[in-house]
Amino acid sequence: MVIHFELKDNDEVLKLNKIATSYTFDIWVHSDNQMFDAKTLLALYTLPFNTELRMVVEEGVESKSLQKEMEYFKKN
């Protein structure tokens, strides 16, 4: 599953990390040329702001609650 989203500031980086660490399955964030574990806070701080990013979760994982939480980060 892929969720498209953007980060606007450092507070959103913290919020994203908090969401990711609340799940037991792997969650990855992809930028144009890099891939990071969403549970690694330091790595998330290297992501660009106001740029489309992709959150990737393996197929078969129950991720409806994650999708709902990620609505906060969708572009307006």
PDB file of N, CA and C in Angstrom:
ATOM      1  N   MET A   1       0.842  -1.159   0.000  1.00  0.00           N
ATOM      2  CA  MET A   1       0.000   0.000   0.000  1.00  0.00           C
ATOM      3  C   MET A   1       0.896   1.233   0.000  1.00  0.00           C
ATOM      4  N   VAL A   2       0.476   2.248  -0.728  1.00  0.00           N
ATOM      5  CA  VAL A   2       1.212   3.507  -0.805  1.00  0.00           C
ATOM      6  C   VAL A   2       0.273   4.647  -0.421  1.00  0.00           C
ATOM      7  N   ILE A   3       0.750   5.530   0.460  1.00  0.00           N
ATOM      8  CA  ILE A   3       0.003   6.720   0.868  1.00  0.00           C
ATOM      9  C   ILE A   3       0.842   7.930   0.483  1.00  0.00           C
ATOM     10  N   HIS A   4       0.293   8.811  -0.319  1.00  0.00           N
ATOM     11  CA  HIS A   4       0.984  10.035  -0.715  1.00  0.00           C
ATOM     12  C   HIS A   4       0.688  11.117   0.316  1.00  0.00           C
ATOM     13  N   PHE A   5       1.729  11.878   0.686  1.00  0.00           N
ATOM     14  CA  PHE A   5       1.561  12.915   1.703  1.00  0.00           C
ATOM     15  C   PHE A   5       2.687  13.931   1.612  1.00  0.00           C
ATOM     16  N   GLU A   6       2.610  14.996   2.413  1.00  0.00           N
ATOM     17  CA  GLU A   6       3.654  16.007   2.516  1.00  0.00           C
ATOM     18  C   GLU A   6       3.895  16.343   3.981  1.00  0.00           C
ATOM     19  N   LEU A   7       5.116  16.752   4.260  1.00  0.00           N
ATOM     20  CA  LEU A   7       5.455  17.294   5.577  1.00  0.00           C
ATOM     21  C   LEU A   7       5.666  18.794   5.415  1.00  0.00           C
ATOM     22  N   LYS A   8       5.131  19.564   6.362  1.00  0.00           N
ATOM     23  CA  LYS A   8       5.247  21.016   6.263  1.00  0.00           C
ATOM     24  C   LYS A   8       6.291  21.604   7.202  1.00  0.00           C
ATOM     25  N   ASP A   9       6.574  20.923   8.335  1.00  0.00           N
ATOM     26  CA  ASP A   9       7.516  21.479   9.306  1.00  0.00           C
ATOM     27  C   ASP A   9       8.011  20.389  10.259  1.00  0.00           C
ATOM     28  N   ASN A  10       8.892  20.779  11.166  1.00  0.00           N
ATOM     29  CA  ASN A  10       9.477  19.818  12.120  1.00  0.00           C
ATOM     30  C   ASN A  10       8.439  19.194  13.039  1.00  0.00           C
ATOM     31  N   ASP A  11       7.401  19.936  13.391  1.00  0.00           N
ATOM     32  CA  ASP A  11       6.344  19.370  14.236  1.00  0.00           C
ATOM     33  C   ASP A  11       5.660  18.197  13.546  1.00  0.00           C
ATOM     34  N   GLU A  12       5.491  18.303  12.243  1.00  0.00           N
ATOM     35  CA  GLU A  12       4.870  17.208  11.504  1.00  0.00           C
ATOM     36  C   GLU A  12       5.801  15.999  11.406  1.00  0.00           C
ATOM     37  N   VAL A  13       7.103  16.236  11.386  1.00  0.00           N
ATOM     38  CA  VAL A  13       8.059  15.127  11.408  1.00  0.00           C
ATOM     39  C   VAL A  13       7.876  14.329  12.703  1.00  0.00           C
ATOM     40  N   LEU A  14       7.776  15.033  13.812  1.00  0.00           N
ATOM     41  CA  LEU A  14       7.558  14.360  15.101  1.00  0.00           C
ATOM     42  C   LEU A  14       6.242  13.597  15.121  1.00  0.00           C
ATOM     43  N   LYS A  15       5.190  14.207  14.581  1.00  0.00           N
ATOM     44  CA  LYS A  15       3.879  13.568  14.548  1.00  0.00           C
ATOM     45  C   LYS A  15       3.923  12.298  13.693  1.00  0.00           C
ATOM     46  N   LEU A  16       4.587  12.380  12.537  1.00  0.00           N
ATOM     47  CA  LEU A  16       4.711  11.214  11.663  1.00  0.00           C
ATOM     48  C   LEU A  16       5.459  10.087  12.371  1.00  0.00           C
ATOM     49  N   ASN A  17       6.540  10.419  13.038  1.00  0.00           N
ATOM     50  CA  ASN A  17       7.324   9.416  13.754  1.00  0.00           C
ATOM     51  C   ASN A  17       6.508   8.768  14.870  1.00  0.00           C
ATOM     52  N   LYS A  18       5.741   9.569  15.574  1.00  0.00           N
ATOM     53  CA  LYS A  18       4.899   9.036  16.660  1.00  0.00           C
ATOM     54  C   LYS A  18       3.859   8.063  16.102  1.00  0.00           C
ATOM     55  N   ILE A  19       3.266   8.413  14.978  1.00  0.00           N
ATOM     56  CA  ILE A  19       2.299   7.514  14.344  1.00  0.00           C
ATOM     57  C   ILE A  19       2.983   6.205  13.946  1.00  0.00           C
ATOM     58  N   ALA A  20       4.117   6.309  13.275  1.00  0.00           N
ATOM     59  CA  ALA A  20       4.813   5.122  12.768  1.00  0.00           C
ATOM     60  C   ALA A  20       5.243   4.187  13.890  1.00  0.00           C
ATOM     61  N   THR A  21       5.735   4.752  14.984  1.00  0.00           N
ATOM     62  CA  THR A  21       6.213   3.891  16.071  1.00  0.00           C
ATOM     63  C   THR A  21       5.077   3.228  16.841  1.00  0.00           C
ATOM     64  N   SER A  22       3.852   3.647  16.601  1.00  0.00           N
ATOM     65  CA  SER A  22       2.722   3.017  17.286  1.00  0.00           C
ATOM     66  C   SER A  22       2.273   1.714  16.607  1.00  0.00           C
ATOM     67  N   TYR A  23       2.866   1.392  15.457  1.00  0.00           N
ATOM     68  CA  TYR A  23       2.508   0.174  14.726  1.00  0.00           C
ATOM     69  C   TYR A  23       3.653  -0.841  14.792  1.00  0.00           C
ATOM     70  N   THR A  24       3.302  -2.114  14.746  1.00  0.00           N
ATOM     71  CA  THR A  24       4.308  -3.170  14.843  1.00  0.00           C
ATOM     72  C   THR A  24       4.907  -3.534  13.486  1.00  0.00           C
ATOM     73  N   PHE A  25       4.253  -3.199  12.398  1.00  0.00           N
ATOM     74  CA  PHE A  25       4.759  -3.554  11.072  1.00  0.00           C
ATOM     75  C   PHE A  25       5.689  -2.459  10.538  1.00  0.00           C
ATOM     76  N   ASP A  26       6.475  -2.813   9.513  1.00  0.00           N
ATOM     77  CA  ASP A  26       7.423  -1.876   8.915  1.00  0.00           C
ATOM     78  C   ASP A  26       6.684  -0.797   8.126  1.00  0.00           C
ATOM     79  N   ILE A  27       7.151   0.428   8.278  1.00  0.00           N
ATOM     80  CA  ILE A  27       6.601   1.570   7.542  1.00  0.00           C
ATOM     81  C   ILE A  27       7.782   2.328   6.956  1.00  0.00           C
ATOM     82  N   TRP A  28       7.753   2.543   5.643  1.00  0.00           N
ATOM     83  CA  TRP A  28       8.842   3.214   4.948  1.00  0.00           C
ATOM     84  C   TRP A  28       8.351   4.517   4.332  1.00  0.00           C
ATOM     85  N   VAL A  29       9.221   5.500   4.287  1.00  0.00           N
ATOM     86  CA  VAL A  29       8.915   6.763   3.614  1.00  0.00           C
ATOM     87  C   VAL A  29       9.898   6.912   2.459  1.00  0.00           C
ATOM     88  N   HIS A  30       9.349   7.174   1.271  1.00  0.00           N
ATOM     89  CA  HIS A  30      10.157   7.342   0.075  1.00  0.00           C
ATOM     90  C   HIS A  30      10.068   8.788  -0.396  1.00  0.00           C
ATOM     91  N   SER A  31      11.211   9.373  -0.703  1.00  0.00           N
ATOM     92  CA  SER A  31      11.250  10.643  -1.424  1.00  0.00           C
ATOM     93  C   SER A  31      11.624  10.289  -2.862  1.00  0.00           C
ATOM     94  N   ASP A  32      11.976  11.267  -3.669  1.00  0.00           N
ATOM     95  CA  ASP A  32      12.311  10.963  -5.059  1.00  0.00           C
ATOM     96  C   ASP A  32      13.469   9.987  -5.195  1.00  0.00           C
ATOM     97  N   ASN A  33      14.458  10.100  -4.317  1.00  0.00           N
ATOM     98  CA  ASN A  33      15.643   9.271  -4.501  1.00  0.00           C
ATOM     99  C   ASN A  33      16.127   8.562  -3.233  1.00  0.00           C
ATOM    100  N   GLN A  34      15.313   8.588  -2.163  1.00  0.00           N
ATOM    101  CA  GLN A  34      15.733   7.949  -0.919  1.00  0.00           C
ATOM    102  C   GLN A  34      14.575   7.204  -0.273  1.00  0.00           C
ATOM    103  N   MET A  35      14.931   6.260   0.609  1.00  0.00           N
ATOM    104  CA  MET A  35      13.934   5.499   1.350  1.00  0.00           C
ATOM    105  C   MET A  35      14.392   5.440   2.805  1.00  0.00           C
ATOM    106  N   PHE A  36      13.464   5.740   3.730  1.00  0.00           N
ATOM    107  CA  PHE A  36      13.791   5.752   5.149  1.00  0.00           C
ATOM    108  C   PHE A  36      12.766   4.975   5.947  1.00  0.00           C
ATOM    109  N   ASP A  37      13.217   4.382   7.041  1.00  0.00           N
ATOM    110  CA  ASP A  37      12.331   3.760   8.010  1.00  0.00           C
ATOM    111  C   ASP A  37      11.612   4.885   8.754  1.00  0.00           C
ATOM    112  N   ALA A  38      10.293   4.891   8.733  1.00  0.00           N
ATOM    113  CA  ALA A  38       9.516   5.962   9.363  1.00  0.00           C
ATOM    114  C   ALA A  38       9.634   5.954  10.878  1.00  0.00           C
ATOM    115  N   LYS A  39      10.211   4.893  11.436  1.00  0.00           N
ATOM    116  CA  LYS A  39      10.370   4.817  12.886  1.00  0.00           C
ATOM    117  C   LYS A  39      11.717   5.386  13.341  1.00  0.00           C
ATOM    118  N   THR A  40      12.525   5.839  12.394  1.00  0.00           N
ATOM    119  CA  THR A  40      13.839   6.414  12.698  1.00  0.00           C
ATOM    120  C   THR A  40      13.747   7.931  12.589  1.00  0.00           C
ATOM    121  N   LEU A  41      13.627   8.578  13.723  1.00  0.00           N
ATOM    122  CA  LEU A  41      13.371  10.014  13.759  1.00  0.00           C
ATOM    123  C   LEU A  41      14.449  10.816  13.048  1.00  0.00           C
ATOM    124  N   LEU A  42      15.696  10.527  13.292  1.00  0.00           N
ATOM    125  CA  LEU A  42      16.778  11.286  12.672  1.00  0.00           C
ATOM    126  C   LEU A  42      16.695  11.246  11.147  1.00  0.00           C
ATOM    127  N   ALA A  43      16.391  10.097  10.597  1.00  0.00           N
ATOM    128  CA  ALA A  43      16.267   9.970   9.140  1.00  0.00           C
ATOM    129  C   ALA A  43      15.122  10.832   8.608  1.00  0.00           C
ATOM    130  N   LEU A  44      14.024  10.897   9.344  1.00  0.00           N
ATOM    131  CA  LEU A  44      12.873  11.683   8.886  1.00  0.00           C
ATOM    132  C   LEU A  44      13.197  13.163   8.782  1.00  0.00           C
ATOM    133  N   TYR A  45      14.102  13.639   9.621  1.00  0.00           N
ATOM    134  CA  TYR A  45      14.475  15.057   9.567  1.00  0.00           C
ATOM    135  C   TYR A  45      15.225  15.416   8.288  1.00  0.00           C
ATOM    136  N   THR A  46      15.677  14.445   7.525  1.00  0.00           N
ATOM    137  CA  THR A  46      16.362  14.741   6.266  1.00  0.00           C
ATOM    138  C   THR A  46      15.394  14.848   5.092  1.00  0.00           C
ATOM    139  N   LEU A  47      14.127  14.535   5.313  1.00  0.00           N
ATOM    140  CA  LEU A  47      13.134  14.606   4.242  1.00  0.00           C
ATOM    141  C   LEU A  47      12.808  16.065   3.909  1.00  0.00           C
ATOM    142  N   PRO A  48      12.504  16.336   2.645  1.00  0.00           N
ATOM    143  CA  PRO A  48      12.172  17.707   2.249  1.00  0.00           C
ATOM    144  C   PRO A  48      10.747  18.081   2.674  1.00  0.00           C
ATOM    145  N   PHE A  49      10.552  19.341   3.004  1.00  0.00           N
ATOM    146  CA  PHE A  49       9.223  19.854   3.318  1.00  0.00           C
ATOM    147  C   PHE A  49       8.517  20.275   2.023  1.00  0.00           C
ATOM    148  N   ASN A  50       7.176  20.251   2.082  1.00  0.00           N
ATOM    149  CA  ASN A  50       6.333  20.717   0.970  1.00  0.00           C
ATOM    150  C   ASN A  50       6.660  20.031  -0.351  1.00  0.00           C
ATOM    151  N   THR A  51       6.979  18.757  -0.267  1.00  0.00           N
ATOM    152  CA  THR A  51       7.276  17.929  -1.433  1.00  0.00           C
ATOM    153  C   THR A  51       6.515  16.625  -1.264  1.00  0.00           C
ATOM    154  N   GLU A  52       5.982  16.105  -2.366  1.00  0.00           N
ATOM    155  CA  GLU A  52       5.239  14.855  -2.253  1.00  0.00           C
ATOM    156  C   GLU A  52       6.160  13.714  -1.825  1.00  0.00           C
ATOM    157  N   LEU A  53       5.733  13.014  -0.789  1.00  0.00           N
ATOM    158  CA  LEU A  53       6.426  11.840  -0.272  1.00  0.00           C
ATOM    159  C   LEU A  53       5.477  10.657  -0.356  1.00  0.00           C
ATOM    160  N   ARG A  54       6.019   9.455  -0.215  1.00  0.00           N
ATOM    161  CA  ARG A  54       5.201   8.252  -0.251  1.00  0.00           C
ATOM    162  C   ARG A  54       5.499   7.391   0.969  1.00  0.00           C
ATOM    163  N   MET A  55       4.449   7.007   1.656  1.00  0.00           N
ATOM    164  CA  MET A  55       4.580   6.056   2.751  1.00  0.00           C
ATOM    165  C   MET A  55       4.225   4.689   2.176  1.00  0.00           C
ATOM    166  N   VAL A  56       5.091   3.719   2.422  1.00  0.00           N
ATOM    167  CA  VAL A  56       4.894   2.386   1.853  1.00  0.00           C
ATOM    168  C   VAL A  56       4.804   1.359   2.978  1.00  0.00           C
ATOM    169  N   VAL A  57       3.750   0.555   2.898  1.00  0.00           N
ATOM    170  CA  VAL A  57       3.520  -0.527   3.854  1.00  0.00           C
ATOM    171  C   VAL A  57       3.286  -1.790   3.027  1.00  0.00           C
ATOM    172  N   GLU A  58       3.863  -2.904   3.454  1.00  0.00           N
ATOM    173  CA  GLU A  58       3.714  -4.128   2.674  1.00  0.00           C
ATOM    174  C   GLU A  58       2.254  -4.558   2.586  1.00  0.00           C
ATOM    175  N   GLU A  59       1.924  -5.222   1.493  1.00  0.00           N
ATOM    176  CA  GLU A  59       0.571  -5.713   1.265  1.00  0.00           C
ATOM    177  C   GLU A  59       0.212  -6.765   2.310  1.00  0.00           C
ATOM    178  N   GLY A  60      -1.061  -6.846   2.640  1.00  0.00           N
ATOM    179  CA  GLY A  60      -1.539  -7.850   3.570  1.00  0.00           C
ATOM    180  C   GLY A  60      -1.531  -7.419   5.021  1.00  0.00           C
ATOM    181  N   VAL A  61      -1.016  -6.235   5.294  1.00  0.00           N
ATOM    182  CA  VAL A  61      -0.986  -5.711   6.653  1.00  0.00           C
ATOM    183  C   VAL A  61      -2.265  -4.911   6.888  1.00  0.00           C
ATOM    184  N   GLU A  62      -2.871  -5.080   8.044  1.00  0.00           N
ATOM    185  CA  GLU A  62      -4.079  -4.315   8.373  1.00  0.00           C
ATOM    186  C   GLU A  62      -3.665  -2.870   8.652  1.00  0.00           C
ATOM    187  N   SER A  63      -3.979  -1.981   7.727  1.00  0.00           N
ATOM    188  CA  SER A  63      -3.470  -0.614   7.818  1.00  0.00           C
ATOM    189  C   SER A  63      -4.561   0.452   7.726  1.00  0.00           C
ATOM    190  N   LYS A  64      -5.808   0.091   7.944  1.00  0.00           N
ATOM    191  CA  LYS A  64      -6.890   1.083   7.849  1.00  0.00           C
ATOM    192  C   LYS A  64      -6.735   2.200   8.874  1.00  0.00           C
ATOM    193  N   SER A  65      -6.312   1.874  10.079  1.00  0.00           N
ATOM    194  CA  SER A  65      -6.135   2.925  11.089  1.00  0.00           C
ATOM    195  C   SER A  65      -4.965   3.837  10.711  1.00  0.00           C
ATOM    196  N   LEU A  66      -3.917   3.288  10.111  1.00  0.00           N
ATOM    197  CA  LEU A  66      -2.797   4.103   9.643  1.00  0.00           C
ATOM    198  C   LEU A  66      -3.265   5.045   8.537  1.00  0.00           C
ATOM    199  N   GLN A  67      -4.050   4.543   7.609  1.00  0.00           N
ATOM    200  CA  GLN A  67      -4.580   5.397   6.537  1.00  0.00           C
ATOM    201  C   GLN A  67      -5.376   6.557   7.113  1.00  0.00           C
ATOM    202  N   LYS A  68      -6.169   6.279   8.116  1.00  0.00           N
ATOM    203  CA  LYS A  68      -6.977   7.332   8.734  1.00  0.00           C
ATOM    204  C   LYS A  68      -6.086   8.373   9.414  1.00  0.00           C
ATOM    205  N   GLU A  69      -5.062   7.931  10.139  1.00  0.00           N
ATOM    206  CA  GLU A  69      -4.152   8.867  10.798  1.00  0.00           C
ATOM    207  C   GLU A  69      -3.370   9.711   9.789  1.00  0.00           C
ATOM    208  N   MET A  70      -3.065   9.154   8.649  1.00  0.00           N
ATOM    209  CA  MET A  70      -2.283   9.861   7.639  1.00  0.00           C
ATOM    210  C   MET A  70      -3.102  10.907   6.883  1.00  0.00           C
ATOM    211  N   GLU A  71      -4.408  10.921   7.056  1.00  0.00           N
ATOM    212  CA  GLU A  71      -5.247  11.954   6.430  1.00  0.00           C
ATOM    213  C   GLU A  71      -4.777  13.350   6.836  1.00  0.00           C
ATOM    214  N   TYR A  72      -4.230  13.483   8.019  1.00  0.00           N
ATOM    215  CA  TYR A  72      -3.726  14.757   8.516  1.00  0.00           C
ATOM    216  C   TYR A  72      -2.659  15.349   7.590  1.00  0.00           C
ATOM    217  N   PHE A  73      -1.870  14.482   6.947  1.00  0.00           N
ATOM    218  CA  PHE A  73      -0.737  14.910   6.131  1.00  0.00           C
ATOM    219  C   PHE A  73      -1.049  15.065   4.647  1.00  0.00           C
ATOM    220  N   LYS A  74      -2.289  14.806   4.260  1.00  0.00           N
ATOM    221  CA  LYS A  74      -2.652  14.916   2.845  1.00  0.00           C
ATOM    222  C   LYS A  74      -2.611  16.372   2.417  1.00  0.00           C
ATOM    223  N   LYS A  75      -2.264  16.590   1.147  1.00  0.00           N
ATOM    224  CA  LYS A  75      -2.226  17.950   0.619  1.00  0.00           C
ATOM    225  C   LYS A  75      -3.632  18.539   0.613  1.00  0.00           C
ATOM    226  N   ASN A  76      -3.720  19.814   0.925  1.00  0.00           N
ATOM    227  CA  ASN A  76      -5.026  20.511   0.875  1.00  0.00           C
ATOM    228  C   ASN A  76      -5.233  21.127  -0.475  1.00  0.00           C
TER     229      ASN A  76
END
